[in-house]
Amino acid sequence: LGEGITGWVAQHRETVLVNDVTKD
């Protein structure tokens, strides 16, 4: 929970769309 984009989405329950992970 909270780790990486998937963990962040699980923790915050918000959709994330990142088209360049180096610029997240």
PDBML (XML) file of the C-alpha atoms, coordinates in Angstrom:
<?xml version="1.0" encoding="UTF-8" ?>
<PDBx:datablock datablockName="MODEL"
   xmlns:PDBx="http://pdbml.pdb.org/schema/pdbx-v50.xsd"
   xmlns:xsi="http://www.w3.org/2001/XMLSchema-instance"
   xsi:schemaLocation="http://pdbml.pdb.org/schema/pdbx-v50.xsd pdbx-v50.xsd">
   <PDBx:atom_siteCategory>
      <PDBx:atom_site id="1">
         <PDBx:B_iso_or_equiv>0.00</PDBx:B_iso_or_equiv>
         <PDBx:Cartn_x>0.000</PDBx:Cartn_x>
         <PDBx:Cartn_y>0.000</PDBx:Cartn_y>
         <PDBx:Cartn_z>0.000</PDBx:Cartn_z>
         <PDBx:auth_asym_id>A</PDBx:auth_asym_id>
         <PDBx:auth_atom_id>CA</PDBx:auth_atom_id>
         <PDBx:auth_comp_id>LEU</PDBx:auth_comp_id>
         <PDBx:auth_seq_id>1</PDBx:auth_seq_id>
         <PDBx:group_PDB>ATOM</PDBx:group_PDB>
         <PDBx:label_alt_id xsi:nil="true" />
         <PDBx:label_asym_id>A</PDBx:label_asym_id>
         <PDBx:label_atom_id>CA</PDBx:label_atom_id>
         <PDBx:label_comp_id>LEU</PDBx:label_comp_id>
         <PDBx:label_entity_id>1</PDBx:label_entity_id>
         <PDBx:label_seq_id>1</PDBx:label_seq_id>
         <PDBx:occupancy>1.00</PDBx:occupancy>
         <PDBx:pdbx_PDB_model_num>1</PDBx:pdbx_PDB_model_num>
         <PDBx:type_symbol>C</PDBx:type_symbol>
      </PDBx:atom_site>
      <PDBx:atom_site id="2">
         <PDBx:B_iso_or_equiv>0.00</PDBx:B_iso_or_equiv>
         <PDBx:Cartn_x>1.442</PDBx:Cartn_x>
         <PDBx:Cartn_y>3.358</PDBx:Cartn_y>
         <PDBx:Cartn_z>-1.055</PDBx:Cartn_z>
         <PDBx:auth_asym_id>A</PDBx:auth_asym_id>
         <PDBx:auth_atom_id>CA</PDBx:auth_atom_id>
         <PDBx:auth_comp_id>GLY</PDBx:auth_comp_id>
         <PDBx:auth_seq_id>2</PDBx:auth_seq_id>
         <PDBx:group_PDB>ATOM</PDBx:group_PDB>
         <PDBx:label_alt_id xsi:nil="true" />
         <PDBx:label_asym_id>A</PDBx:label_asym_id>
         <PDBx:label_atom_id>CA</PDBx:label_atom_id>
         <PDBx:label_comp_id>GLY</PDBx:label_comp_id>
         <PDBx:label_entity_id>1</PDBx:label_entity_id>
         <PDBx:label_seq_id>2</PDBx:label_seq_id>
         <PDBx:occupancy>1.00</PDBx:occupancy>
         <PDBx:pdbx_PDB_model_num>1</PDBx:pdbx_PDB_model_num>
         <PDBx:type_symbol>C</PDBx:type_symbol>
      </PDBx:atom_site>
      <PDBx:atom_site id="3">
         <PDBx:B_iso_or_equiv>0.00</PDBx:B_iso_or_equiv>
         <PDBx:Cartn_x>4.328</PDBx:Cartn_x>
         <PDBx:Cartn_y>1.793</PDBx:Cartn_y>
         <PDBx:Cartn_z>-3.004</PDBx:Cartn_z>
         <PDBx:auth_asym_id>A</PDBx:auth_asym_id>
         <PDBx:auth_atom_id>CA</PDBx:auth_atom_id>
         <PDBx:auth_comp_id>GLU</PDBx:auth_comp_id>
         <PDBx:auth_seq_id>3</PDBx:auth_seq_id>
         <PDBx:group_PDB>ATOM</PDBx:group_PDB>
         <PDBx:label_alt_id xsi:nil="true" />
         <PDBx:label_asym_id>A</PDBx:label_asym_id>
         <PDBx:label_atom_id>CA</PDBx:label_atom_id>
         <PDBx:label_comp_id>GLU</PDBx:label_comp_id>
         <PDBx:label_entity_id>1</PDBx:label_entity_id>
         <PDBx:label_seq_id>3</PDBx:label_seq_id>
         <PDBx:occupancy>1.00</PDBx:occupancy>
         <PDBx:pdbx_PDB_model_num>1</PDBx:pdbx_PDB_model_num>
         <PDBx:type_symbol>C</PDBx:type_symbol>
      </PDBx:atom_site>
      <PDBx:atom_site id="4">
         <PDBx:B_iso_or_equiv>0.00</PDBx:B_iso_or_equiv>
         <PDBx:Cartn_x>4.656</PDBx:Cartn_x>
         <PDBx:Cartn_y>2.695</PDBx:Cartn_y>
         <PDBx:Cartn_z>-6.680</PDBx:Cartn_z>
         <PDBx:auth_asym_id>A</PDBx:auth_asym_id>
         <PDBx:auth_atom_id>CA</PDBx:auth_atom_id>
         <PDBx:auth_comp_id>GLY</PDBx:auth_comp_id>
         <PDBx:auth_seq_id>4</PDBx:auth_seq_id>
         <PDBx:group_PDB>ATOM</PDBx:group_PDB>
         <PDBx:label_alt_id xsi:nil="true" />
         <PDBx:label_asym_id>A</PDBx:label_asym_id>
         <PDBx:label_atom_id>CA</PDBx:label_atom_id>
         <PDBx:label_comp_id>GLY</PDBx:label_comp_id>
         <PDBx:label_entity_id>1</PDBx:label_entity_id>
         <PDBx:label_seq_id>4</PDBx:label_seq_id>
         <PDBx:occupancy>1.00</PDBx:occupancy>
         <PDBx:pdbx_PDB_model_num>1</PDBx:pdbx_PDB_model_num>
         <PDBx:type_symbol>C</PDBx:type_symbol>
      </PDBx:atom_site>
      <PDBx:atom_site id="5">
         <PDBx:B_iso_or_equiv>0.00</PDBx:B_iso_or_equiv>
         <PDBx:Cartn_x>1.780</PDBx:Cartn_x>
         <PDBx:Cartn_y>4.003</PDBx:Cartn_y>
         <PDBx:Cartn_z>-8.772</PDBx:Cartn_z>
         <PDBx:auth_asym_id>A</PDBx:auth_asym_id>
         <PDBx:auth_atom_id>CA</PDBx:auth_atom_id>
         <PDBx:auth_comp_id>ILE</PDBx:auth_comp_id>
         <PDBx:auth_seq_id>5</PDBx:auth_seq_id>
         <PDBx:group_PDB>ATOM</PDBx:group_PDB>
         <PDBx:label_alt_id xsi:nil="true" />
         <PDBx:label_asym_id>A</PDBx:label_asym_id>
         <PDBx:label_atom_id>CA</PDBx:label_atom_id>
         <PDBx:label_comp_id>ILE</PDBx:label_comp_id>
         <PDBx:label_entity_id>1</PDBx:label_entity_id>
         <PDBx:label_seq_id>5</PDBx:label_seq_id>
         <PDBx:occupancy>1.00</PDBx:occupancy>
         <PDBx:pdbx_PDB_model_num>1</PDBx:pdbx_PDB_model_num>
         <PDBx:type_symbol>C</PDBx:type_symbol>
      </PDBx:atom_site>
      <PDBx:atom_site id="6">
         <PDBx:B_iso_or_equiv>0.00</PDBx:B_iso_or_equiv>
         <PDBx:Cartn_x>-0.396</PDBx:Cartn_x>
         <PDBx:Cartn_y>0.952</PDBx:Cartn_y>
         <PDBx:Cartn_z>-8.093</PDBx:Cartn_z>
         <PDBx:auth_asym_id>A</PDBx:auth_asym_id>
         <PDBx:auth_atom_id>CA</PDBx:auth_atom_id>
         <PDBx:auth_comp_id>THR</PDBx:auth_comp_id>
         <PDBx:auth_seq_id>6</PDBx:auth_seq_id>
         <PDBx:group_PDB>ATOM</PDBx:group_PDB>
         <PDBx:label_alt_id xsi:nil="true" />
         <PDBx:label_asym_id>A</PDBx:label_asym_id>
         <PDBx:label_atom_id>CA</PDBx:label_atom_id>
         <PDBx:label_comp_id>THR</PDBx:label_comp_id>
         <PDBx:label_entity_id>1</PDBx:label_entity_id>
         <PDBx:label_seq_id>6</PDBx:label_seq_id>
         <PDBx:occupancy>1.00</PDBx:occupancy>
         <PDBx:pdbx_PDB_model_num>1</PDBx:pdbx_PDB_model_num>
         <PDBx:type_symbol>C</PDBx:type_symbol>
      </PDBx:atom_site>
      <PDBx:atom_site id="7">
         <PDBx:B_iso_or_equiv>0.00</PDBx:B_iso_or_equiv>
         <PDBx:Cartn_x>0.133</PDBx:Cartn_x>
         <PDBx:Cartn_y>1.198</PDBx:Cartn_y>
         <PDBx:Cartn_z>-4.346</PDBx:Cartn_z>
         <PDBx:auth_asym_id>A</PDBx:auth_asym_id>
         <PDBx:auth_atom_id>CA</PDBx:auth_atom_id>
         <PDBx:auth_comp_id>GLY</PDBx:auth_comp_id>
         <PDBx:auth_seq_id>7</PDBx:auth_seq_id>
         <PDBx:group_PDB>ATOM</PDBx:group_PDB>
         <PDBx:label_alt_id xsi:nil="true" />
         <PDBx:label_asym_id>A</PDBx:label_asym_id>
         <PDBx:label_atom_id>CA</PDBx:label_atom_id>
         <PDBx:label_comp_id>GLY</PDBx:label_comp_id>
         <PDBx:label_entity_id>1</PDBx:label_entity_id>
         <PDBx:label_seq_id>7</PDBx:label_seq_id>
         <PDBx:occupancy>1.00</PDBx:occupancy>
         <PDBx:pdbx_PDB_model_num>1</PDBx:pdbx_PDB_model_num>
         <PDBx:type_symbol>C</PDBx:type_symbol>
      </PDBx:atom_site>
      <PDBx:atom_site id="8">
         <PDBx:B_iso_or_equiv>0.00</PDBx:B_iso_or_equiv>
         <PDBx:Cartn_x>-0.530</PDBx:Cartn_x>
         <PDBx:Cartn_y>4.943</PDBx:Cartn_y>
         <PDBx:Cartn_z>-4.447</PDBx:Cartn_z>
         <PDBx:auth_asym_id>A</PDBx:auth_asym_id>
         <PDBx:auth_atom_id>CA</PDBx:auth_atom_id>
         <PDBx:auth_comp_id>TRP</PDBx:auth_comp_id>
         <PDBx:auth_seq_id>8</PDBx:auth_seq_id>
         <PDBx:group_PDB>ATOM</PDBx:group_PDB>
         <PDBx:label_alt_id xsi:nil="true" />
         <PDBx:label_asym_id>A</PDBx:label_asym_id>
         <PDBx:label_atom_id>CA</PDBx:label_atom_id>
         <PDBx:label_comp_id>TRP</PDBx:label_comp_id>
         <PDBx:label_entity_id>1</PDBx:label_entity_id>
         <PDBx:label_seq_id>8</PDBx:label_seq_id>
         <PDBx:occupancy>1.00</PDBx:occupancy>
         <PDBx:pdbx_PDB_model_num>1</PDBx:pdbx_PDB_model_num>
         <PDBx:type_symbol>C</PDBx:type_symbol>
      </PDBx:atom_site>
      <PDBx:atom_site id="9">
         <PDBx:B_iso_or_equiv>0.00</PDBx:B_iso_or_equiv>
         <PDBx:Cartn_x>-3.828</PDBx:Cartn_x>
         <PDBx:Cartn_y>4.370</PDBx:Cartn_y>
         <PDBx:Cartn_z>-6.296</PDBx:Cartn_z>
         <PDBx:auth_asym_id>A</PDBx:auth_asym_id>
         <PDBx:auth_atom_id>CA</PDBx:auth_atom_id>
         <PDBx:auth_comp_id>VAL</PDBx:auth_comp_id>
         <PDBx:auth_seq_id>9</PDBx:auth_seq_id>
         <PDBx:group_PDB>ATOM</PDBx:group_PDB>
         <PDBx:label_alt_id xsi:nil="true" />
         <PDBx:label_asym_id>A</PDBx:label_asym_id>
         <PDBx:label_atom_id>CA</PDBx:label_atom_id>
         <PDBx:label_comp_id>VAL</PDBx:label_comp_id>
         <PDBx:label_entity_id>1</PDBx:label_entity_id>
         <PDBx:label_seq_id>9</PDBx:label_seq_id>
         <PDBx:occupancy>1.00</PDBx:occupancy>
         <PDBx:pdbx_PDB_model_num>1</PDBx:pdbx_PDB_model_num>
         <PDBx:type_symbol>C</PDBx:type_symbol>
      </PDBx:atom_site>
      <PDBx:atom_site id="10">
         <PDBx:B_iso_or_equiv>0.00</PDBx:B_iso_or_equiv>
         <PDBx:Cartn_x>-4.817</PDBx:Cartn_x>
         <PDBx:Cartn_y>1.696</PDBx:Cartn_y>
         <PDBx:Cartn_z>-3.764</PDBx:Cartn_z>
         <PDBx:auth_asym_id>A</PDBx:auth_asym_id>
         <PDBx:auth_atom_id>CA</PDBx:auth_atom_id>
         <PDBx:auth_comp_id>ALA</PDBx:auth_comp_id>
         <PDBx:auth_seq_id>10</PDBx:auth_seq_id>
         <PDBx:group_PDB>ATOM</PDBx:group_PDB>
         <PDBx:label_alt_id xsi:nil="true" />
         <PDBx:label_asym_id>A</PDBx:label_asym_id>
         <PDBx:label_atom_id>CA</PDBx:label_atom_id>
         <PDBx:label_comp_id>ALA</PDBx:label_comp_id>
         <PDBx:label_entity_id>1</PDBx:label_entity_id>
         <PDBx:label_seq_id>10</PDBx:label_seq_id>
         <PDBx:occupancy>1.00</PDBx:occupancy>
         <PDBx:pdbx_PDB_model_num>1</PDBx:pdbx_PDB_model_num>
         <PDBx:type_symbol>C</PDBx:type_symbol>
      </PDBx:atom_site>
      <PDBx:atom_site id="11">
         <PDBx:B_iso_or_equiv>0.00</PDBx:B_iso_or_equiv>
         <PDBx:Cartn_x>-4.036</PDBx:Cartn_x>
         <PDBx:Cartn_y>4.028</PDBx:Cartn_y>
         <PDBx:Cartn_z>-0.867</PDBx:Cartn_z>
         <PDBx:auth_asym_id>A</PDBx:auth_asym_id>
         <PDBx:auth_atom_id>CA</PDBx:auth_atom_id>
         <PDBx:auth_comp_id>GLN</PDBx:auth_comp_id>
         <PDBx:auth_seq_id>11</PDBx:auth_seq_id>
         <PDBx:group_PDB>ATOM</PDBx:group_PDB>
         <PDBx:label_alt_id xsi:nil="true" />
         <PDBx:label_asym_id>A</PDBx:label_asym_id>
         <PDBx:label_atom_id>CA</PDBx:label_atom_id>
         <PDBx:label_comp_id>GLN</PDBx:label_comp_id>
         <PDBx:label_entity_id>1</PDBx:label_entity_id>
         <PDBx:label_seq_id>11</PDBx:label_seq_id>
         <PDBx:occupancy>1.00</PDBx:occupancy>
         <PDBx:pdbx_PDB_model_num>1</PDBx:pdbx_PDB_model_num>
         <PDBx:type_symbol>C</PDBx:type_symbol>
      </PDBx:atom_site>
      <PDBx:atom_site id="12">
         <PDBx:B_iso_or_equiv>0.00</PDBx:B_iso_or_equiv>
         <PDBx:Cartn_x>-5.663</PDBx:Cartn_x>
         <PDBx:Cartn_y>7.178</PDBx:Cartn_y>
         <PDBx:Cartn_z>-2.292</PDBx:Cartn_z>
         <PDBx:auth_asym_id>A</PDBx:auth_asym_id>
         <PDBx:auth_atom_id>CA</PDBx:auth_atom_id>
         <PDBx:auth_comp_id>HIS</PDBx:auth_comp_id>
         <PDBx:auth_seq_id>12</PDBx:auth_seq_id>
         <PDBx:group_PDB>ATOM</PDBx:group_PDB>
         <PDBx:label_alt_id xsi:nil="true" />
         <PDBx:label_asym_id>A</PDBx:label_asym_id>
         <PDBx:label_atom_id>CA</PDBx:label_atom_id>
         <PDBx:label_comp_id>HIS</PDBx:label_comp_id>
         <PDBx:label_entity_id>1</PDBx:label_entity_id>
         <PDBx:label_seq_id>12</PDBx:label_seq_id>
         <PDBx:occupancy>1.00</PDBx:occupancy>
         <PDBx:pdbx_PDB_model_num>1</PDBx:pdbx_PDB_model_num>
         <PDBx:type_symbol>C</PDBx:type_symbol>
      </PDBx:atom_site>
      <PDBx:atom_site id="13">
         <PDBx:B_iso_or_equiv>0.00</PDBx:B_iso_or_equiv>
         <PDBx:Cartn_x>-8.391</PDBx:Cartn_x>
         <PDBx:Cartn_y>5.481</PDBx:Cartn_y>
         <PDBx:Cartn_z>-4.353</PDBx:Cartn_z>
         <PDBx:auth_asym_id>A</PDBx:auth_asym_id>
         <PDBx:auth_atom_id>CA</PDBx:auth_atom_id>
         <PDBx:auth_comp_id>ARG</PDBx:auth_comp_id>
         <PDBx:auth_seq_id>13</PDBx:auth_seq_id>
         <PDBx:group_PDB>ATOM</PDBx:group_PDB>
         <PDBx:label_alt_id xsi:nil="true" />
         <PDBx:label_asym_id>A</PDBx:label_asym_id>
         <PDBx:label_atom_id>CA</PDBx:label_atom_id>
         <PDBx:label_comp_id>ARG</PDBx:label_comp_id>
         <PDBx:label_entity_id>1</PDBx:label_entity_id>
         <PDBx:label_seq_id>13</PDBx:label_seq_id>
         <PDBx:occupancy>1.00</PDBx:occupancy>
         <PDBx:pdbx_PDB_model_num>1</PDBx:pdbx_PDB_model_num>
         <PDBx:type_symbol>C</PDBx:type_symbol>
      </PDBx:atom_site>
      <PDBx:atom_site id="14">
         <PDBx:B_iso_or_equiv>0.00</PDBx:B_iso_or_equiv>
         <PDBx:Cartn_x>-7.831</PDBx:Cartn_x>
         <PDBx:Cartn_y>7.846</PDBx:Cartn_y>
         <PDBx:Cartn_z>-7.265</PDBx:Cartn_z>
         <PDBx:auth_asym_id>A</PDBx:auth_asym_id>
         <PDBx:auth_atom_id>CA</PDBx:auth_atom_id>
         <PDBx:auth_comp_id>GLU</PDBx:auth_comp_id>
         <PDBx:auth_seq_id>14</PDBx:auth_seq_id>
         <PDBx:group_PDB>ATOM</PDBx:group_PDB>
         <PDBx:label_alt_id xsi:nil="true" />
         <PDBx:label_asym_id>A</PDBx:label_asym_id>
         <PDBx:label_atom_id>CA</PDBx:label_atom_id>
         <PDBx:label_comp_id>GLU</PDBx:label_comp_id>
         <PDBx:label_entity_id>1</PDBx:label_entity_id>
         <PDBx:label_seq_id>14</PDBx:label_seq_id>
         <PDBx:occupancy>1.00</PDBx:occupancy>
         <PDBx:pdbx_PDB_model_num>1</PDBx:pdbx_PDB_model_num>
         <PDBx:type_symbol>C</PDBx:type_symbol>
      </PDBx:atom_site>
      <PDBx:atom_site id="15">
         <PDBx:B_iso_or_equiv>0.00</PDBx:B_iso_or_equiv>
         <PDBx:Cartn_x>-7.156</PDBx:Cartn_x>
         <PDBx:Cartn_y>7.057</PDBx:Cartn_y>
         <PDBx:Cartn_z>-10.916</PDBx:Cartn_z>
         <PDBx:auth_asym_id>A</PDBx:auth_asym_id>
         <PDBx:auth_atom_id>CA</PDBx:auth_atom_id>
         <PDBx:auth_comp_id>THR</PDBx:auth_comp_id>
         <PDBx:auth_seq_id>15</PDBx:auth_seq_id>
         <PDBx:group_PDB>ATOM</PDBx:group_PDB>
         <PDBx:label_alt_id xsi:nil="true" />
         <PDBx:label_asym_id>A</PDBx:label_asym_id>
         <PDBx:label_atom_id>CA</PDBx:label_atom_id>
         <PDBx:label_comp_id>THR</PDBx:label_comp_id>
         <PDBx:label_entity_id>1</PDBx:label_entity_id>
         <PDBx:label_seq_id>15</PDBx:label_seq_id>
         <PDBx:occupancy>1.00</PDBx:occupancy>
         <PDBx:pdbx_PDB_model_num>1</PDBx:pdbx_PDB_model_num>
         <PDBx:type_symbol>C</PDBx:type_symbol>
      </PDBx:atom_site>
      <PDBx:atom_site id="16">
         <PDBx:B_iso_or_equiv>0.00</PDBx:B_iso_or_equiv>
         <PDBx:Cartn_x>-3.668</PDBx:Cartn_x>
         <PDBx:Cartn_y>7.854</PDBx:Cartn_y>
         <PDBx:Cartn_z>-12.202</PDBx:Cartn_z>
         <PDBx:auth_asym_id>A</PDBx:auth_asym_id>
         <PDBx:auth_atom_id>CA</PDBx:auth_atom_id>
         <PDBx:auth_comp_id>VAL</PDBx:auth_comp_id>
         <PDBx:auth_seq_id>16</PDBx:auth_seq_id>
         <PDBx:group_PDB>ATOM</PDBx:group_PDB>
         <PDBx:label_alt_id xsi:nil="true" />
         <PDBx:label_asym_id>A</PDBx:label_asym_id>
         <PDBx:label_atom_id>CA</PDBx:label_atom_id>
         <PDBx:label_comp_id>VAL</PDBx:label_comp_id>
         <PDBx:label_entity_id>1</PDBx:label_entity_id>
         <PDBx:label_seq_id>16</PDBx:label_seq_id>
         <PDBx:occupancy>1.00</PDBx:occupancy>
         <PDBx:pdbx_PDB_model_num>1</PDBx:pdbx_PDB_model_num>
         <PDBx:type_symbol>C</PDBx:type_symbol>
      </PDBx:atom_site>
      <PDBx:atom_site id="17">
         <PDBx:B_iso_or_equiv>0.00</PDBx:B_iso_or_equiv>
         <PDBx:Cartn_x>-2.734</PDBx:Cartn_x>
         <PDBx:Cartn_y>8.279</PDBx:Cartn_y>
         <PDBx:Cartn_z>-15.862</PDBx:Cartn_z>
         <PDBx:auth_asym_id>A</PDBx:auth_asym_id>
         <PDBx:auth_atom_id>CA</PDBx:auth_atom_id>
         <PDBx:auth_comp_id>LEU</PDBx:auth_comp_id>
         <PDBx:auth_seq_id>17</PDBx:auth_seq_id>
         <PDBx:group_PDB>ATOM</PDBx:group_PDB>
         <PDBx:label_alt_id xsi:nil="true" />
         <PDBx:label_asym_id>A</PDBx:label_asym_id>
         <PDBx:label_atom_id>CA</PDBx:label_atom_id>
         <PDBx:label_comp_id>LEU</PDBx:label_comp_id>
         <PDBx:label_entity_id>1</PDBx:label_entity_id>
         <PDBx:label_seq_id>17</PDBx:label_seq_id>
         <PDBx:occupancy>1.00</PDBx:occupancy>
         <PDBx:pdbx_PDB_model_num>1</PDBx:pdbx_PDB_model_num>
         <PDBx:type_symbol>C</PDBx:type_symbol>
      </PDBx:atom_site>
      <PDBx:atom_site id="18">
         <PDBx:B_iso_or_equiv>0.00</PDBx:B_iso_or_equiv>
         <PDBx:Cartn_x>0.999</PDBx:Cartn_x>
         <PDBx:Cartn_y>8.765</PDBx:Cartn_y>
         <PDBx:Cartn_z>-16.459</PDBx:Cartn_z>
         <PDBx:auth_asym_id>A</PDBx:auth_asym_id>
         <PDBx:auth_atom_id>CA</PDBx:auth_atom_id>
         <PDBx:auth_comp_id>VAL</PDBx:auth_comp_id>
         <PDBx:auth_seq_id>18</PDBx:auth_seq_id>
         <PDBx:group_PDB>ATOM</PDBx:group_PDB>
         <PDBx:label_alt_id xsi:nil="true" />
         <PDBx:label_asym_id>A</PDBx:label_asym_id>
         <PDBx:label_atom_id>CA</PDBx:label_atom_id>
         <PDBx:label_comp_id>VAL</PDBx:label_comp_id>
         <PDBx:label_entity_id>1</PDBx:label_entity_id>
         <PDBx:label_seq_id>18</PDBx:label_seq_id>
         <PDBx:occupancy>1.00</PDBx:occupancy>
         <PDBx:pdbx_PDB_model_num>1</PDBx:pdbx_PDB_model_num>
         <PDBx:type_symbol>C</PDBx:type_symbol>
      </PDBx:atom_site>
      <PDBx:atom_site id="19">
         <PDBx:B_iso_or_equiv>0.00</PDBx:B_iso_or_equiv>
         <PDBx:Cartn_x>2.199</PDBx:Cartn_x>
         <PDBx:Cartn_y>8.835</PDBx:Cartn_y>
         <PDBx:Cartn_z>-20.052</PDBx:Cartn_z>
         <PDBx:auth_asym_id>A</PDBx:auth_asym_id>
         <PDBx:auth_atom_id>CA</PDBx:auth_atom_id>
         <PDBx:auth_comp_id>ASN</PDBx:auth_comp_id>
         <PDBx:auth_seq_id>19</PDBx:auth_seq_id>
         <PDBx:group_PDB>ATOM</PDBx:group_PDB>
         <PDBx:label_alt_id xsi:nil="true" />
         <PDBx:label_asym_id>A</PDBx:label_asym_id>
         <PDBx:label_atom_id>CA</PDBx:label_atom_id>
         <PDBx:label_comp_id>ASN</PDBx:label_comp_id>
         <PDBx:label_entity_id>1</PDBx:label_entity_id>
         <PDBx:label_seq_id>19</PDBx:label_seq_id>
         <PDBx:occupancy>1.00</PDBx:occupancy>
         <PDBx:pdbx_PDB_model_num>1</PDBx:pdbx_PDB_model_num>
         <PDBx:type_symbol>C</PDBx:type_symbol>
      </PDBx:atom_site>
      <PDBx:atom_site id="20">
         <PDBx:B_iso_or_equiv>0.00</PDBx:B_iso_or_equiv>
         <PDBx:Cartn_x>5.864</PDBx:Cartn_x>
         <PDBx:Cartn_y>9.270</PDBx:Cartn_y>
         <PDBx:Cartn_z>-19.168</PDBx:Cartn_z>
         <PDBx:auth_asym_id>A</PDBx:auth_asym_id>
         <PDBx:auth_atom_id>CA</PDBx:auth_atom_id>
         <PDBx:auth_comp_id>ASP</PDBx:auth_comp_id>
         <PDBx:auth_seq_id>20</PDBx:auth_seq_id>
         <PDBx:group_PDB>ATOM</PDBx:group_PDB>
         <PDBx:label_alt_id xsi:nil="true" />
         <PDBx:label_asym_id>A</PDBx:label_asym_id>
         <PDBx:label_atom_id>CA</PDBx:label_atom_id>
         <PDBx:label_comp_id>ASP</PDBx:label_comp_id>
         <PDBx:label_entity_id>1</PDBx:label_entity_id>
         <PDBx:label_seq_id>20</PDBx:label_seq_id>
         <PDBx:occupancy>1.00</PDBx:occupancy>
         <PDBx:pdbx_PDB_model_num>1</PDBx:pdbx_PDB_model_num>
         <PDBx:type_symbol>C</PDBx:type_symbol>
      </PDBx:atom_site>
      <PDBx:atom_site id="21">
         <PDBx:B_iso_or_equiv>0.00</PDBx:B_iso_or_equiv>
         <PDBx:Cartn_x>6.788</PDBx:Cartn_x>
         <PDBx:Cartn_y>7.715</PDBx:Cartn_y>
         <PDBx:Cartn_z>-15.840</PDBx:Cartn_z>
         <PDBx:auth_asym_id>A</PDBx:auth_asym_id>
         <PDBx:auth_atom_id>CA</PDBx:auth_atom_id>
         <PDBx:auth_comp_id>VAL</PDBx:auth_comp_id>
         <PDBx:auth_seq_id>21</PDBx:auth_seq_id>
         <PDBx:group_PDB>ATOM</PDBx:group_PDB>
         <PDBx:label_alt_id xsi:nil="true" />
         <PDBx:label_asym_id>A</PDBx:label_asym_id>
         <PDBx:label_atom_id>CA</PDBx:label_atom_id>
         <PDBx:label_comp_id>VAL</PDBx:label_comp_id>
         <PDBx:label_entity_id>1</PDBx:label_entity_id>
         <PDBx:label_seq_id>21</PDBx:label_seq_id>
         <PDBx:occupancy>1.00</PDBx:occupancy>
         <PDBx:pdbx_PDB_model_num>1</PDBx:pdbx_PDB_model_num>
         <PDBx:type_symbol>C</PDBx:type_symbol>
      </PDBx:atom_site>
      <PDBx:atom_site id="22">
         <PDBx:B_iso_or_equiv>0.00</PDBx:B_iso_or_equiv>
         <PDBx:Cartn_x>10.081</PDBx:Cartn_x>
         <PDBx:Cartn_y>9.644</PDBx:Cartn_y>
         <PDBx:Cartn_z>-15.775</PDBx:Cartn_z>
         <PDBx:auth_asym_id>A</PDBx:auth_asym_id>
         <PDBx:auth_atom_id>CA</PDBx:auth_atom_id>
         <PDBx:auth_comp_id>THR</PDBx:auth_comp_id>
         <PDBx:auth_seq_id>22</PDBx:auth_seq_id>
         <PDBx:group_PDB>ATOM</PDBx:group_PDB>
         <PDBx:label_alt_id xsi:nil="true" />
         <PDBx:label_asym_id>A</PDBx:label_asym_id>
         <PDBx:label_atom_id>CA</PDBx:label_atom_id>
         <PDBx:label_comp_id>THR</PDBx:label_comp_id>
         <PDBx:label_entity_id>1</PDBx:label_entity_id>
         <PDBx:label_seq_id>22</PDBx:label_seq_id>
         <PDBx:occupancy>1.00</PDBx:occupancy>
         <PDBx:pdbx_PDB_model_num>1</PDBx:pdbx_PDB_model_num>
         <PDBx:type_symbol>C</PDBx:type_symbol>
      </PDBx:atom_site>
      <PDBx:atom_site id="23">
         <PDBx:B_iso_or_equiv>0.00</PDBx:B_iso_or_equiv>
         <PDBx:Cartn_x>8.042</PDBx:Cartn_x>
         <PDBx:Cartn_y>12.863</PDBx:Cartn_y>
         <PDBx:Cartn_z>-15.565</PDBx:Cartn_z>
         <PDBx:auth_asym_id>A</PDBx:auth_asym_id>
         <PDBx:auth_atom_id>CA</PDBx:auth_atom_id>
         <PDBx:auth_comp_id>LYS</PDBx:auth_comp_id>
         <PDBx:auth_seq_id>23</PDBx:auth_seq_id>
         <PDBx:group_PDB>ATOM</PDBx:group_PDB>
         <PDBx:label_alt_id xsi:nil="true" />
         <PDBx:label_asym_id>A</PDBx:label_asym_id>
         <PDBx:label_atom_id>CA</PDBx:label_atom_id>
         <PDBx:label_comp_id>LYS</PDBx:label_comp_id>
         <PDBx:label_entity_id>1</PDBx:label_entity_id>
         <PDBx:label_seq_id>23</PDBx:label_seq_id>
         <PDBx:occupancy>1.00</PDBx:occupancy>
         <PDBx:pdbx_PDB_model_num>1</PDBx:pdbx_PDB_model_num>
         <PDBx:type_symbol>C</PDBx:type_symbol>
      </PDBx:atom_site>
      <PDBx:atom_site id="24">
         <PDBx:B_iso_or_equiv>0.00</PDBx:B_iso_or_equiv>
         <PDBx:Cartn_x>5.478</PDBx:Cartn_x>
         <PDBx:Cartn_y>11.696</PDBx:Cartn_y>
         <PDBx:Cartn_z>-12.977</PDBx:Cartn_z>
         <PDBx:auth_asym_id>A</PDBx:auth_asym_id>
         <PDBx:auth_atom_id>CA</PDBx:auth_atom_id>
         <PDBx:auth_comp_id>ASP</PDBx:auth_comp_id>
         <PDBx:auth_seq_id>24</PDBx:auth_seq_id>
         <PDBx:group_PDB>ATOM</PDBx:group_PDB>
         <PDBx:label_alt_id xsi:nil="true" />
         <PDBx:label_asym_id>A</PDBx:label_asym_id>
         <PDBx:label_atom_id>CA</PDBx:label_atom_id>
         <PDBx:label_comp_id>ASP</PDBx:label_comp_id>
         <PDBx:label_entity_id>1</PDBx:label_entity_id>
         <PDBx:label_seq_id>24</PDBx:label_seq_id>
         <PDBx:occupancy>1.00</PDBx:occupancy>
         <PDBx:pdbx_PDB_model_num>1</PDBx:pdbx_PDB_model_num>
         <PDBx:type_symbol>C</PDBx:type_symbol>
      </PDBx:atom_site>
   </PDBx:atom_siteCategory>
</PDBx:datablock>
